[in-house]
């Protein structure tokens, strides 16, 4: 019986404060979850658009290589002398250095 008394809402309480907590929760959810993900996704898209030949990159699988060919959807990496692998552009996770930085691929 005590539980049912606690769960009953008072009649006629349409105060704006009862909507404050859900709105606050939505705001926190947006600023801590949605906004940072949108930012990361925009940065990744910008990185993939700005790739150039000679860039040292790392794929999402952790493979290090140097960009030797680019197309709209694919990128070819040289991972060792004479060893080239082709990936989708979306597989590029990050860029290690600028184009033609002289870094060697380990």
Protein backbone atom coordinates (compact mmCIF):
# COMPACT_ATOMS: atom_id res chain seq x y z
CA UNK A 1 0.00 0.00 0.00
CA UNK A 2 2.86 2.37 0.78
CA UNK A 3 4.30 1.79 -2.71
CA UNK A 4 1.04 2.68 -4.43
CA UNK A 5 0.89 5.91 -2.45
CA UNK A 6 4.38 6.87 -3.63
CA UNK A 7 3.59 6.14 -7.27
CA UNK A 8 0.43 8.23 -7.37
CA UNK A 9 0.91 11.66 -8.88
CA UNK A 10 -0.81 14.57 -7.19
CA UNK A 11 -3.88 15.67 -9.11
CA UNK A 12 -3.52 18.82 -11.18
CA UNK A 13 0.26 19.20 -10.94
CA UNK A 14 1.19 20.48 -14.39
CA UNK A 15 4.19 22.47 -13.28
CA UNK A 16 6.98 23.12 -15.77
CA UNK A 17 9.45 21.59 -13.34
CA UNK A 18 8.18 18.09 -14.06
CA UNK A 19 9.50 18.48 -17.63
CA UNK A 20 12.87 19.90 -16.55
CA UNK A 21 14.54 16.58 -15.70
CA UNK A 22 13.77 14.82 -19.03
CA UNK A 23 14.90 17.92 -20.94
CA UNK A 24 18.07 18.14 -18.89
CA UNK A 25 18.70 14.45 -19.52
CA UNK A 26 18.27 14.95 -23.28
CA UNK A 27 20.67 17.90 -23.20
CA UNK A 28 23.33 15.92 -21.36
CA UNK A 29 22.86 12.99 -23.74
CA UNK A 30 23.31 15.29 -26.74
CA UNK A 31 26.46 17.03 -25.46
CA UNK A 32 28.20 13.90 -24.19
CA UNK A 33 27.16 11.32 -26.80
CA UNK A 34 25.81 12.70 -30.07
CA UNK A 35 27.88 15.87 -30.57
CA UNK A 36 31.33 14.25 -30.02
CA UNK A 37 30.44 11.41 -32.41
CA UNK A 38 29.40 13.90 -35.10
CA UNK A 39 32.68 15.77 -34.57
CA UNK A 40 34.79 12.59 -34.92
CA UNK A 41 32.91 11.55 -38.00
CA UNK A 42 33.41 14.97 -39.64
CA UNK A 43 37.14 14.89 -38.84
CA UNK A 44 37.48 11.38 -40.31
CA UNK A 45 35.67 12.47 -43.48
CA UNK A 46 37.95 15.51 -43.81
CA UNK A 47 41.04 13.30 -43.34
CA UNK A 48 39.92 10.90 -46.07
CA UNK A 49 39.17 13.74 -48.47
CA UNK A 50 42.59 15.34 -47.90
CA UNK A 51 44.67 12.21 -48.52
CA UNK A 52 47.49 12.63 -51.00
CA UNK A 53 50.14 10.43 -52.55
CA UNK A 54 53.06 9.85 -50.24
CA UNK A 55 51.06 10.23 -47.01
CA UNK A 56 51.89 7.81 -44.22
CA UNK A 57 48.62 6.33 -42.95
CA UNK A 58 47.27 3.68 -40.59
CA UNK A 59 44.20 1.61 -41.47
CA UNK A 60 41.45 0.70 -39.02
CA UNK A 61 43.07 -2.73 -38.79
CA UNK A 62 46.39 -1.21 -37.71
CA UNK A 63 48.27 -1.66 -40.99
CA UNK A 64 50.85 1.07 -41.65
CA UNK A 65 51.64 2.13 -45.20
CA UNK A 66 52.34 4.89 -47.68
CA UNK A 67 49.68 6.02 -50.15
CA UNK A 68 50.76 5.33 -53.74
CA UNK A 69 47.44 5.55 -55.63
CA UNK A 70 44.12 7.27 -54.96
CA UNK A 71 40.69 7.07 -56.51
CA UNK A 72 37.28 8.29 -55.34
CA UNK A 73 36.55 5.13 -53.36
CA UNK A 74 39.85 3.27 -53.05
CA UNK A 75 43.39 3.86 -51.88
CA UNK A 76 46.45 1.73 -52.60
CA UNK A 77 49.07 1.49 -49.88
CA UNK A 78 52.65 0.33 -50.17
CA UNK A 79 53.34 -1.60 -46.98
CA UNK A 80 56.77 -2.91 -47.98
CA UNK A 81 58.98 -2.53 -51.05
CA UNK A 82 56.93 -3.96 -53.90
CA UNK A 83 53.98 -4.96 -51.69
CA UNK A 84 50.84 -2.97 -52.43
CA UNK A 85 47.42 -3.44 -50.91
CA UNK A 86 44.16 -1.79 -51.97
CA UNK A 87 41.63 -0.57 -49.39
CA UNK A 88 38.43 1.42 -49.34
CA UNK A 89 39.02 5.02 -48.31
CA UNK A 90 36.81 4.40 -45.29
CA UNK A 91 39.44 1.95 -43.97
CA UNK A 92 41.92 4.77 -43.33
CA UNK A 93 41.88 5.60 -39.61
CA UNK A 94 44.59 8.25 -39.28
CA UNK A 95 47.50 9.95 -40.97
CA UNK A 96 50.95 9.72 -39.41
CA UNK A 97 52.76 12.44 -41.30
CA UNK A 98 52.33 14.78 -44.21
CA UNK A 99 52.96 13.86 -47.82
CA UNK A 100 56.56 12.92 -48.62
CA UNK A 101 57.79 13.31 -45.05
CA UNK A 102 60.57 10.83 -45.65
CA UNK A 103 59.34 8.48 -42.94
CA UNK A 104 59.99 4.82 -43.55
CA UNK A 105 57.37 2.17 -43.20
CA UNK A 106 58.28 -0.34 -40.50
